[in-house]
Protein backbone atom coordinates (compact mmCIF):
# COMPACT_ATOMS: atom_id res chain seq x y z
CA MET A 1 -15.92 -23.11 7.01
CA ILE A 2 -17.03 -19.32 6.73
CA THR A 3 -20.28 -18.38 5.62
CA GLY A 4 -21.64 -15.84 2.83
CA GLN A 5 -22.40 -12.97 4.65
CA LEU A 6 -18.40 -13.23 6.17
CA LYS A 7 -16.86 -13.75 2.64
CA SER A 8 -19.40 -10.79 1.21
CA LYS A 9 -17.49 -8.28 3.94
CA ILE A 10 -14.59 -9.95 2.80
CA ASP A 11 -14.46 -9.00 -1.07
CA LYS A 12 -15.93 -5.51 -0.36
CA LEU A 13 -12.89 -5.02 2.06
CA TRP A 14 -11.33 -6.05 -0.61
CA GLU A 15 -12.53 -4.25 -2.95
CA GLU A 16 -11.47 -1.13 -0.43
CA PHE A 17 -7.94 -2.36 -0.19
CA TRP A 18 -7.92 -1.59 -4.06
CA THR A 19 -9.44 2.08 -4.44
CA GLY A 20 -7.61 2.91 -1.87
CA GLY A 21 -4.40 2.19 -3.83
CA ILE A 22 -3.24 -0.68 -1.79
CA THR A 23 -3.48 -3.23 -4.96
CA ASN A 24 -0.56 -6.16 -4.15
CA PRO A 25 -2.80 -8.74 -2.44
CA LEU A 26 0.45 -9.58 0.38
CA THR A 27 0.15 -6.18 1.30
CA VAL A 28 -3.61 -6.63 1.66
CA ILE A 29 -3.77 -9.99 4.09
CA GLU A 30 -0.14 -8.48 5.57
CA GLN A 31 -2.03 -5.24 6.35
CA ILE A 32 -5.24 -7.49 7.45
CA THR A 33 -2.89 -9.59 9.68
CA PHE A 34 -1.45 -6.61 11.92
CA LEU A 35 -5.44 -5.49 12.40
CA MET A 36 -5.78 -9.04 13.78
CA TYR A 37 -3.13 -9.11 16.03
CA ALA A 38 -3.68 -5.72 17.46
CA ARG A 39 -7.15 -7.55 18.19
CA MET A 40 -6.26 -10.81 19.20
CA LEU A 41 -3.28 -9.43 22.32
CA ASP A 42 -6.03 -7.54 23.37
CA MET A 43 -8.42 -10.68 23.70
CA ASN A 44 -5.53 -12.89 25.18
CA GLU A 45 -5.21 -9.97 28.24
CA GLN A 46 -9.47 -9.69 28.44
CA LYS A 47 -9.18 -13.65 28.86
CA ASP A 48 -5.85 -13.57 31.61
CA GLU A 49 -7.69 -10.60 33.76
CA LYS A 50 -10.82 -12.69 33.49
CA LEU A 51 -9.23 -15.51 34.97
CA ALA A 52 -6.22 -13.62 37.12
CA SER A 53 -9.72 -12.22 38.39
CA ARG A 54 -10.80 -15.93 39.82
CA SER A 55 -7.67 -16.88 40.42
CA GLY A 56 -5.81 -13.99 42.03
CA LYS A 57 -2.17 -15.05 40.42
CA ALA A 58 -0.72 -11.72 39.23
CA PHE A 59 0.35 -12.72 35.13
CA HIS A 60 2.61 -10.77 32.14
CA ARG A 61 1.02 -7.70 31.11
CA ARG A 62 0.87 -6.81 27.76
CA PHE A 63 0.11 -3.70 28.21
CA ASN A 64 1.42 -1.41 31.26
CA ASP A 65 -0.98 1.53 32.52
CA ASN A 66 0.24 4.03 30.33
CA GLN A 67 -0.76 1.52 26.98
CA GLN A 68 -3.98 0.71 27.89
CA HIS A 69 -5.45 2.82 24.78
CA LEU A 70 -3.29 0.55 22.88
CA ARG A 71 -5.70 -1.77 22.72
CA TRP A 72 -8.63 -2.87 20.50
CA GLN A 73 -11.61 -2.50 22.82
CA HIS A 74 -10.29 0.95 23.49
CA PHE A 75 -9.40 2.87 20.50
CA ARG A 76 -11.48 0.66 17.54
CA HIS A 77 -14.55 3.40 18.52
CA LEU A 78 -12.19 6.70 17.65
CA GLY A 79 -13.12 8.50 15.15
CA ALA A 80 -10.58 8.43 11.20
CA ASP A 81 -8.32 11.12 12.11
CA LYS A 82 -7.63 9.93 15.91
CA LEU A 83 -7.76 6.40 14.63
CA TYR A 84 -5.46 6.76 12.17
CA LYS A 85 -2.71 8.75 14.13
CA LEU A 86 -3.18 6.84 16.99
CA VAL A 87 -2.59 3.78 14.48
CA LYS A 88 0.09 4.73 12.81
CA ASP A 89 1.91 6.56 15.68
CA GLU A 90 1.09 4.50 19.09
CA LEU A 91 0.30 1.66 18.21
CA PHE A 92 2.91 -0.20 14.98
CA PRO A 93 5.75 1.55 17.31
CA PHE A 94 3.98 -0.65 20.20
CA PHE A 95 3.91 -3.59 18.01
CA ALA A 96 8.49 -2.81 17.19
CA GLU A 97 9.31 -1.82 20.46
CA SER A 98 7.00 -3.34 22.99
CA SER A 99 6.35 -6.96 21.59
CA ALA A 100 9.33 -8.92 22.55
CA GLN A 101 9.30 -7.55 26.19
CA SER A 102 5.52 -7.27 26.91
CA VAL A 103 4.01 -10.94 25.22
CA LYS A 104 5.74 -14.19 26.65
CA ASP A 105 4.85 -17.03 28.25
CA GLY A 106 3.59 -19.39 25.09
CA ASN A 107 0.66 -17.11 24.17
CA GLU A 108 -0.37 -15.82 21.28
CA GLY A 109 1.52 -12.35 21.04
CA SER A 110 4.84 -13.73 21.26
CA LEU A 111 5.12 -15.55 18.57
CA PHE A 112 5.25 -12.11 16.22
CA ALA A 113 7.91 -10.51 18.41
CA GLU A 114 10.61 -11.37 16.12
CA PHE A 115 9.28 -9.95 12.86
CA MET A 116 7.02 -7.27 14.17
CA LYS A 117 9.67 -4.86 15.04
CA ASP A 118 10.24 -3.82 11.17
CA ALA A 119 5.85 -3.61 10.79
CA GLN A 120 4.30 -0.40 8.37
CA LEU A 121 1.33 1.04 7.79
CA MET A 122 0.55 1.13 4.44
CA ILE A 123 -3.16 2.41 4.53
CA GLN A 124 -2.47 6.03 3.82
CA LYS A 125 -6.84 6.83 3.49
CA GLN A 126 -7.67 7.58 7.24
CA SER A 127 -11.49 6.17 6.16
CA LEU A 128 -10.01 3.31 4.93
CA LEU A 129 -8.46 2.26 8.29
CA VAL A 130 -11.73 2.79 9.52
CA LYS A 131 -13.34 0.19 7.67
CA ALA A 132 -10.64 -2.14 8.39
CA VAL A 133 -11.23 -1.79 12.13
CA GLU A 134 -15.21 -1.94 11.35
CA MET A 135 -14.78 -5.50 9.13
CA VAL A 136 -11.66 -6.97 11.77
CA ASN A 137 -14.06 -5.81 14.67
CA ASP A 138 -17.16 -8.15 12.84
CA LEU A 139 -14.55 -11.01 12.43
CA PRO A 140 -15.28 -14.42 14.82
CA LEU A 141 -11.69 -15.09 15.56
CA GLU A 142 -12.87 -15.91 19.21
CA ASN A 143 -14.38 -19.34 16.84
CA SER A 144 -11.75 -21.34 16.93
CA ASP A 145 -12.68 -23.50 14.37
CA THR A 146 -14.09 -20.47 11.93
CA LYS A 147 -11.13 -18.75 12.20
CA GLY A 148 -8.77 -21.39 10.05
CA ASP A 149 -11.70 -21.10 7.45
CA LEU A 150 -11.40 -17.58 7.71
CA TYR A 151 -7.78 -16.85 6.85
CA GLU A 152 -7.37 -19.61 3.94
CA TYR A 153 -10.16 -17.18 2.60
CA LEU A 154 -7.98 -14.50 2.31
CA LEU A 155 -5.42 -16.72 1.42
CA SER A 156 -7.08 -18.23 -1.68
CA LYS A 157 -6.83 -14.14 -3.23
CA LEU A 158 -3.32 -14.77 -3.55
CA THR A 159 -2.88 -14.24 -6.88
CA THR A 160 0.67 -13.35 -7.95
CA ALA A 161 4.53 -14.92 -7.31
CA GLY A 162 6.34 -13.27 -5.22
CA ILE A 163 10.75 -12.33 -6.47
CA ASN A 164 12.43 -15.29 -5.07
CA GLY A 165 9.85 -17.89 -7.10
CA GLN A 166 7.23 -17.97 -4.37
CA PHE A 167 3.54 -18.98 -5.10
CA ARG A 168 1.02 -20.52 -2.67
CA THR A 169 1.27 -23.80 -3.31
CA PRO A 170 -2.63 -25.80 -3.32
CA ARG A 171 -4.09 -27.24 -1.17
CA HIS A 172 -5.33 -30.57 -2.06
CA ILE A 173 -1.59 -30.89 -3.53
CA ILE A 174 -0.66 -29.96 -0.25
CA ARG A 175 -3.19 -32.14 1.69
CA ALA A 176 -2.33 -35.29 -0.62
CA MET A 177 1.11 -34.69 0.24
CA VAL A 178 0.33 -35.15 3.38
CA GLU A 179 -0.97 -38.35 3.93
CA MET A 180 1.18 -40.37 1.58
CA LEU A 181 3.48 -39.33 4.47
CA ASP A 182 0.70 -39.64 7.23
CA PRO A 183 2.24 -38.06 9.88
CA GLY A 184 2.35 -39.07 13.35
CA ILE A 185 1.45 -37.54 16.71
CA ASN A 186 5.18 -37.21 17.82
CA SER A 187 6.50 -36.02 14.42
CA ARG A 188 8.56 -32.72 14.33
CA ILE A 189 7.64 -31.66 11.47
CA CYS A 190 9.52 -28.61 9.19
CA ASP A 191 9.26 -26.49 6.11
CA PRO A 192 12.14 -24.59 4.95
CA SER A 193 11.26 -22.28 3.11
CA THR A 194 7.31 -22.03 4.89
CA GLY A 195 6.03 -19.14 2.43
CA THR A 196 2.25 -18.74 3.85
CA GLY A 197 2.62 -21.74 5.62
CA GLY A 198 0.47 -24.50 3.90
CA PHE A 199 2.30 -27.66 4.09
CA LEU A 200 2.35 -27.19 8.30
CA VAL A 201 -1.34 -25.69 7.94
CA SER A 202 -2.49 -28.58 6.65
CA SER A 203 -0.19 -31.57 8.59
CA TYR A 204 -2.32 -30.11 11.90
CA GLU A 205 -5.19 -30.84 9.80
CA TYR A 206 -4.67 -34.40 9.21
CA LEU A 207 -3.75 -35.29 12.86
CA LEU A 208 -6.69 -33.42 14.35
CA GLU A 209 -8.52 -36.11 11.77
CA LYS A 210 -6.67 -39.13 12.42
CA TYR A 211 -6.62 -38.30 16.75
CA THR A 212 -10.75 -37.71 16.34
CA SER A 213 -13.35 -40.44 18.12
CA LYS A 214 -16.35 -40.42 16.58
CA ASP A 215 -18.13 -38.92 19.10
CA GLY A 216 -15.38 -35.50 18.51
CA VAL A 217 -16.67 -35.34 14.62
CA GLU A 218 -19.69 -32.13 14.78
CA GLN A 219 -21.24 -31.36 11.53
CA GLU A 220 -23.05 -28.04 11.47
CA PRO A 221 -25.18 -26.80 8.38
CA LEU A 222 -24.37 -24.55 5.64
CA PHE A 223 -26.36 -21.09 4.36
CA ASP A 224 -26.09 -19.20 1.59
CA GLU A 225 -26.61 -14.63 2.50
CA GLN A 226 -30.74 -14.85 2.58
CA GLY A 227 -30.03 -17.91 5.15
CA LYS A 228 -31.43 -20.42 2.93
CA PRO A 229 -29.79 -23.88 3.03
CA LEU A 230 -26.97 -24.70 0.76
CA LEU A 231 -26.93 -27.84 -1.25
CA ASP A 232 -24.94 -30.38 -3.24
CA ALA A 233 -25.57 -31.52 -6.49
CA ASN A 234 -27.63 -34.59 -5.08
CA GLY A 235 -30.15 -31.70 -3.87
CA ARG A 236 -28.46 -32.46 -0.48
CA GLN A 237 -27.55 -29.95 2.59
CA GLN A 238 -24.17 -29.21 2.45
CA VAL A 239 -22.31 -29.53 5.80
CA ASN A 240 -18.48 -28.65 7.73
CA THR A 241 -17.12 -31.20 9.58
CA LEU A 242 -15.45 -29.80 12.92
CA TYR A 243 -12.82 -32.70 14.01
CA SER A 244 -12.00 -31.86 18.06
CA GLY A 245 -8.60 -34.07 18.26
CA ASP A 246 -11.00 -35.21 21.63
CA LEU A 247 -7.93 -38.14 21.25
CA ILE A 248 -4.79 -35.98 21.77
CA THR A 249 -3.10 -36.63 25.57
CA PRO A 250 -2.19 -32.63 27.38
CA GLU A 251 1.29 -33.99 26.43
CA GLN A 252 0.73 -34.49 22.99
CA ARG A 253 -0.96 -30.81 22.44
CA ALA A 254 2.14 -29.30 25.04
CA HIS A 255 4.23 -31.08 21.49
CA ILE A 256 1.56 -29.58 19.09
CA ASP A 257 1.49 -26.03 20.36
CA SER A 258 5.82 -25.66 21.03
CA ASP A 259 7.29 -27.87 19.51
CA MET A 260 5.64 -30.19 16.20
CA PHE A 261 5.83 -27.22 13.38
CA HIS A 262 8.74 -25.62 12.64
CA GLY A 263 9.18 -22.54 9.55
CA PHE A 264 11.76 -20.69 8.26
CA ASP A 265 11.82 -17.47 5.95
CA PHE A 266 14.11 -15.03 4.55
CA ASP A 267 10.86 -13.01 3.32
CA ALA A 268 9.27 -10.57 6.87
CA THR A 269 5.88 -10.31 5.24
CA MET A 270 5.53 -14.78 4.77
CA LEU A 271 7.10 -14.96 7.73
CA ARG A 272 3.86 -12.44 9.08
CA VAL A 273 1.12 -14.05 7.61
CA ALA A 274 2.90 -17.56 8.07
CA ALA A 275 2.61 -17.00 11.27
CA MET A 276 -0.55 -16.02 11.50
CA ASN A 277 -2.47 -18.01 9.69
CA LEU A 278 -0.67 -21.31 12.36
CA VAL A 279 -2.59 -19.43 15.39
CA MET A 280 -5.33 -18.76 13.44
CA HIS A 281 -5.89 -22.40 13.04
CA GLY A 282 -5.41 -23.42 16.90
CA ILE A 283 -1.69 -23.47 17.46
CA LYS A 284 -0.52 -21.74 20.13
CA GLN A 285 2.89 -21.58 19.45
CA PRO A 286 4.64 -22.56 15.85
CA ASP A 287 8.31 -22.20 16.18
CA ILE A 288 8.72 -19.48 12.64
CA HIS A 289 11.19 -17.93 12.13
CA TYR A 290 13.57 -15.63 10.15
CA GLN A 291 16.44 -17.44 8.19
CA ASP A 292 17.99 -18.51 4.77
CA THR A 293 18.12 -21.99 5.04
CA LEU A 294 20.42 -22.16 3.00
CA SER A 295 23.15 -19.25 4.40
CA GLN A 296 26.02 -19.94 7.03
CA SER A 297 23.78 -18.62 9.92
CA PHE A 298 21.20 -21.21 9.55
CA LYS A 299 23.84 -24.09 11.18
CA GLU A 300 24.93 -21.57 14.06
CA ARG A 301 21.06 -20.39 15.08
CA PHE A 302 19.48 -23.17 15.38
CA PRO A 303 21.74 -26.17 14.84
CA ARG A 304 18.96 -29.06 16.16
CA GLU A 305 17.00 -28.35 13.26
CA ALA A 306 19.95 -27.46 10.79
CA LYS A 307 21.31 -30.93 11.33
CA ALA A 308 18.99 -34.36 11.14
CA GLY A 309 16.25 -32.85 13.42
CA PHE A 310 13.32 -33.35 11.48
CA ASP A 311 10.76 -36.12 11.07
CA ILE A 312 8.99 -35.21 8.26
CA ILE A 313 9.81 -32.49 5.82
CA LEU A 314 7.06 -30.77 3.42
CA ALA A 315 8.21 -28.59 1.31
CA ASN A 316 7.39 -25.91 -2.29
CA PRO A 317 10.91 -25.00 -2.54
CA PRO A 318 11.32 -21.02 -4.62
CA PHE A 319 12.57 -22.74 -7.84
CA LYS A 320 14.62 -19.39 -8.84
CA GLY A 321 15.95 -16.05 -6.62
CA SER A 322 19.18 -14.32 -5.49
CA LEU A 323 22.01 -16.50 -4.01
CA ASP A 324 24.89 -15.42 -2.04
CA GLU A 325 27.11 -18.40 -3.03
CA GLU A 326 29.78 -17.40 -0.38
CA ASP A 327 26.90 -17.71 2.13
CA VAL A 328 25.84 -21.18 1.48
CA CYS A 329 26.31 -23.60 4.36
CA PRO A 330 29.24 -25.59 2.97
CA ASP A 331 27.63 -28.87 4.22
CA ILE A 332 25.20 -28.06 1.72
CA LEU A 333 27.83 -27.92 -1.06
CA ARG A 334 29.85 -30.69 -0.12
CA LYS A 335 26.89 -32.62 -1.36
CA VAL A 336 26.23 -30.43 -4.45
CA LYS A 337 28.54 -27.87 -6.11
CA THR A 338 25.57 -25.48 -7.45
CA LYS A 339 24.10 -22.14 -7.68
CA LYS A 340 20.35 -23.48 -8.09
CA THR A 341 18.32 -23.22 -5.23
CA GLU A 342 16.58 -25.60 -6.42
CA LEU A 343 19.20 -28.12 -6.30
CA LEU A 344 20.76 -26.47 -3.04
CA PHE A 345 17.19 -26.95 -0.92
CA VAL A 346 16.85 -30.20 -1.78
CA ALA A 347 20.13 -31.29 -0.55
CA LEU A 348 19.20 -28.83 2.35
CA ILE A 349 16.74 -31.44 2.88
CA GLU A 350 18.48 -34.14 2.95
CA ASN A 351 20.83 -32.73 5.75
CA MET A 352 17.53 -31.76 7.85
CA LEU A 353 16.27 -35.01 8.29
CA LYS A 354 16.84 -37.92 10.93
CA ILE A 355 17.96 -40.82 10.20
CA GLY A 356 14.43 -43.11 8.79
CA GLY A 357 13.01 -39.05 8.76
CA GLN A 358 10.87 -38.66 5.37
CA SER A 359 10.75 -35.93 3.06
CA ALA A 360 8.01 -35.29 0.30
CA THR A 361 9.57 -31.93 -1.80
CA ILE A 362 8.21 -30.13 -5.02
CA VAL A 363 10.99 -29.36 -7.69
CA PRO A 364 11.15 -28.44 -11.01
CA ASP A 365 11.06 -30.72 -13.89
CA GLY A 366 14.80 -29.73 -14.46
CA VAL A 367 16.06 -31.63 -11.24
CA LEU A 368 14.72 -35.47 -12.31
CA PHE A 369 17.15 -35.02 -15.79
CA GLY A 370 19.41 -31.84 -15.59
CA SER A 371 22.89 -32.82 -17.62
CA SER A 372 25.04 -30.76 -15.72
CA ASN A 373 27.41 -32.63 -12.40
CA ALA A 374 25.18 -30.71 -9.96
CA HIS A 375 21.95 -32.24 -10.72
CA GLN A 376 23.74 -35.77 -12.24
CA GLN A 377 24.91 -35.36 -8.50
CA LEU A 378 21.63 -34.56 -6.40
CA ARG A 379 19.87 -37.35 -7.73
CA GLN A 380 23.09 -39.57 -6.97
CA LEU A 381 22.52 -39.13 -3.49
CA LEU A 382 19.14 -39.43 -3.16
CA VAL A 383 18.58 -42.54 -4.91
CA GLU A 384 22.86 -44.02 -3.61
CA GLN A 385 22.58 -42.85 -0.12
CA ASN A 386 19.02 -42.17 -0.02
CA GLN A 387 15.61 -44.42 0.01
CA LEU A 388 14.50 -42.97 -3.21
CA GLU A 389 10.17 -44.11 -2.54
CA ALA A 390 8.39 -41.84 -5.24
CA VAL A 391 8.75 -39.83 -7.84
CA ILE A 392 5.31 -38.37 -8.94
CA SER A 393 5.01 -36.35 -12.47
CA LEU A 394 2.35 -33.15 -11.76
CA PRO A 395 0.18 -31.58 -14.74
CA SER A 396 2.12 -28.49 -15.71
CA GLY A 397 -1.09 -26.69 -14.65
CA VAL A 398 -1.01 -27.40 -11.43
CA PHE A 399 0.37 -23.47 -10.16
CA LYS A 400 -1.36 -21.22 -13.07
CA PRO A 401 -2.16 -18.38 -12.42
CA TYR A 402 1.22 -18.15 -11.01
CA ALA A 403 3.13 -20.02 -13.59
CA GLY A 404 2.67 -23.07 -16.00
CA VAL A 405 6.38 -24.60 -14.99
CA SER A 406 6.10 -28.55 -15.04
CA THR A 407 6.67 -30.39 -11.92
CA ALA A 408 7.50 -33.58 -9.89
CA ILE A 409 6.62 -34.21 -6.14
CA LEU A 410 10.13 -36.66 -4.50
CA ILE A 411 9.59 -38.14 -1.23
CA PHE A 412 12.52 -40.15 0.08
CA THR A 413 13.56 -41.20 3.61
CA LYS A 414 17.22 -40.38 5.25
CA GLY A 415 19.72 -42.82 5.42
CA GLY A 416 19.55 -46.01 3.59
CA SER A 417 19.79 -47.26 -0.74
CA THR A 418 17.22 -47.63 -3.07
CA ASP A 419 16.12 -50.69 -5.14
CA HIS A 420 13.19 -49.41 -6.84
CA VAL A 421 11.59 -46.46 -7.39
CA TRP A 422 7.63 -46.11 -7.43
CA PHE A 423 6.81 -43.38 -10.56
CA TYR A 424 3.15 -41.92 -10.60
CA ASP A 425 2.00 -40.09 -13.78
CA VAL A 426 -0.92 -37.21 -12.36
CA GLN A 427 -2.95 -36.76 -15.43
CA ALA A 428 -5.80 -34.15 -13.77
CA ASP A 429 -5.60 -32.90 -10.30
CA GLY A 430 -9.57 -32.17 -10.51
CA PHE A 431 -9.52 -28.71 -12.40
CA SER A 432 -8.80 -27.25 -14.83
CA LEU A 433 -4.84 -26.38 -15.94
CA ASP A 434 -5.89 -23.45 -17.54
CA ASP A 435 -5.55 -19.81 -16.15
CA LYS A 436 -8.48 -20.33 -14.42
CA ARG A 437 -9.01 -24.01 -12.71
CA THR A 438 -12.19 -24.47 -12.70
CA PRO A 439 -13.05 -27.90 -10.76
CA ILE A 440 -13.82 -30.55 -13.07
CA LYS A 441 -14.83 -34.15 -12.49
CA ASP A 442 -11.55 -36.17 -13.48
CA ASN A 443 -8.74 -35.82 -10.19
CA ASP A 444 -5.64 -38.48 -10.33
CA LEU A 445 -5.16 -37.67 -6.34
CA PRO A 446 -7.11 -40.15 -4.79
CA ALA A 447 -6.13 -43.30 -6.40
CA LEU A 448 -2.03 -41.48 -6.42
CA VAL A 449 -2.65 -41.74 -2.59
CA ALA A 450 -4.00 -45.18 -1.97
CA GLY A 451 -1.55 -46.23 -4.23
CA TYR A 452 1.05 -45.00 -3.17
CA LYS A 453 0.15 -46.10 0.54
CA THR A 454 -0.76 -49.81 -1.19
CA ARG A 455 2.04 -49.53 -3.08
CA ASP A 456 3.73 -53.28 -3.54
CA LYS A 457 7.61 -53.57 -4.50
CA ALA A 458 7.40 -57.60 -4.89
CA ILE A 459 5.75 -56.60 -8.33
CA ALA A 460 8.29 -54.93 -9.29
CA ASP A 461 10.55 -57.10 -11.69
CA THR A 462 7.16 -58.86 -12.36
CA GLU A 463 4.62 -59.41 -15.35
CA GLN A 464 2.27 -56.71 -13.35
CA ASN A 465 5.10 -53.73 -13.14
CA ASP A 466 3.16 -52.76 -16.27
CA ARG A 467 4.96 -49.47 -17.43
CA THR A 468 1.74 -48.56 -19.70
CA GLN A 469 -0.67 -47.55 -16.25
CA LYS A 470 -0.22 -43.99 -14.43
CA ALA A 471 1.95 -46.26 -11.61
CA PHE A 472 4.92 -48.64 -11.98
CA TRP A 473 8.41 -49.70 -10.59
CA VAL A 474 11.73 -49.14 -12.04
CA SER A 475 15.10 -50.99 -10.58
CA LYS A 476 17.97 -48.77 -9.11
CA ALA A 477 20.08 -50.43 -12.60
CA GLU A 478 18.60 -49.33 -14.50
CA ILE A 479 17.92 -45.83 -13.44
CA ALA A 480 22.04 -45.65 -12.47
CA ALA A 481 22.42 -46.84 -16.33
CA ASN A 482 20.58 -43.95 -17.37
CA LYS A 483 23.14 -40.82 -15.37
CA TYR A 484 19.86 -40.98 -12.89
CA ASP A 485 17.87 -40.07 -14.51
CA LEU A 486 13.93 -39.38 -12.73
CA SER A 487 11.81 -38.16 -15.59
CA ILE A 488 9.25 -40.50 -15.94
CA ASN A 489 8.84 -39.89 -19.90
CA ARG A 490 12.44 -42.11 -19.78
CA TYR A 491 11.04 -45.30 -18.46
CA LYS A 492 6.69 -45.03 -18.98
CA GLN A 493 5.82 -46.74 -22.47
CA VAL A 494 3.76 -45.43 -24.34
CA VAL A 495 1.22 -47.96 -26.88
CA TYR A 496 0.56 -46.93 -29.83
CA ALA A 497 -2.42 -47.96 -31.79
CA GLU A 498 -1.59 -48.86 -35.58
CA GLN A 499 -3.46 -46.99 -37.96
CA GLN A 500 -5.06 -48.06 -40.57
CA TYR A 501 -5.41 -46.37 -43.80
CA ASP A 502 -7.31 -47.22 -47.61
CA ASP A 503 -5.07 -48.70 -50.45
CA PRO A 504 -3.24 -45.43 -52.09
CA LYS A 505 -4.89 -46.39 -55.23
CA VAL A 506 -8.32 -46.37 -53.87
CA ILE A 507 -7.46 -42.98 -51.62
CA LEU A 508 -6.90 -41.91 -55.37
CA ASN A 509 -10.46 -43.34 -56.71
CA LYS A 510 -12.49 -40.96 -53.97
CA LEU A 511 -10.17 -37.75 -55.05
CA VAL A 512 -11.02 -38.41 -58.51
CA ALA A 513 -14.78 -39.14 -57.96
CA LEU A 514 -14.59 -35.85 -55.80
CA GLU A 515 -12.61 -33.35 -58.28
CA ASN A 516 -16.15 -35.09 -60.54
CA ASP A 517 -18.41 -34.21 -58.38
CA ILE A 518 -17.09 -30.67 -57.86
CA LEU A 519 -16.57 -30.50 -61.66
CA ALA A 520 -20.57 -31.03 -62.20
CA ASP A 521 -21.87 -28.48 -59.63
CA LEU A 522 -19.94 -25.57 -61.58
CA LYS A 523 -21.27 -27.02 -64.82
CA ALA A 524 -25.05 -26.66 -63.22
CA LEU A 525 -24.13 -23.46 -61.80
CA GLU A 526 -22.46 -21.98 -64.67
CA ALA A 527 -25.70 -23.42 -67.31
CA MET A 528 -27.92 -20.50 -64.46
CA LEU A 529 -26.51 -17.86 -65.68
């Protein structure tokens, strides 16, 4: 949890970027990410230097003798003119040309080599760069418990959707999806449209909590900018809970750091942000790549990942965007012949899962009831050749202010076939459904997660399966008879309370009496004139 003072510094810098002509939130985060990257390179270089001095063993240097002036500790004190010239003319070319060769063997820097080649300094004002460097230098990047929250706070300022329909999925929705799938410590987890990496980060946080003993939990009190304790609604001091993950073995830690988390995206800016997000949360070498996962090149470059490579896939694929149909992988088109990315991504995910692997994917409602051949073909694939576990309807305001589209979560297991599907109607997620999204008391998500984990298929064909409730079962036979329609309104029963009305003569008499009262008042008013 970051302090109010640190938030104020970030807010102030955000204003400086705005007045400096950089108004796109994603660009602001990207520029701050570059500076964080520069500082973290030097931090890791210093750490390796200290280890080398004690052990006497050499290490692969990130900066050679002619590049020492590019280290954060050496340039951060420069004046505005010299600093701007060095960062623009030397540091960014160093990112592009040298990172792949100079940073290897499992440290944070090598992760960025693949997509730092097109990094550009967008800051035009020298004074703004000086302030940005000063602020990044003050950030507690050495504190692993704080820097993840710090980056989350930066990402919370994203308020615009990308041109391809990407937008930041609310963290509490992600958390509910992760809890329902309950990933294990040996899982391989992927997001094929990773965006800012929210699904992967939330999965890691969930695993840390799951594999922390009682003795490994720490709580630190929270204070405001003036140093006063932050109190909750009951007057108790608020605390930040830290999970050490002390039950994770060294072998499991190695898997987490190198082969558990995989992400792909064709937006280089998003990839840089996602990579930094994961590193800031404590994952040393997440497998993040610049790749359009719908294209033929995905299977060529990543054959293991493209076909039955993952245990868990969590995603909120783009709902729109440009698509080169000729470049779409034939394996996906054989499953569903379409140009619609929301359909192709679900087919892609089904292809990427191992037999027995699970996915929770957010889709627009049109996927559930669309009448085209492609829509029906995809739904039939999920029901007949896989185990469609659940269809969870979300309120239409969940993604505001980005979009007001109605969405649902599809949860399915690869392989087998479906006999019954569990439906759940989420009507509130703990926030208002307008553009402000202010916190409210009504929240169905805890009940959703609990209901999913304890759902009992044995009641599906009994009177206990009450379709007037938020959760209920529907048989495969009924779904198939409705052209595999998966919209909750198709099956949910709405109870209408019968309205009681007075006899028409009674209503008429009341109207006449009312008219007489009005007429009497008018005559009384006339007498006063």
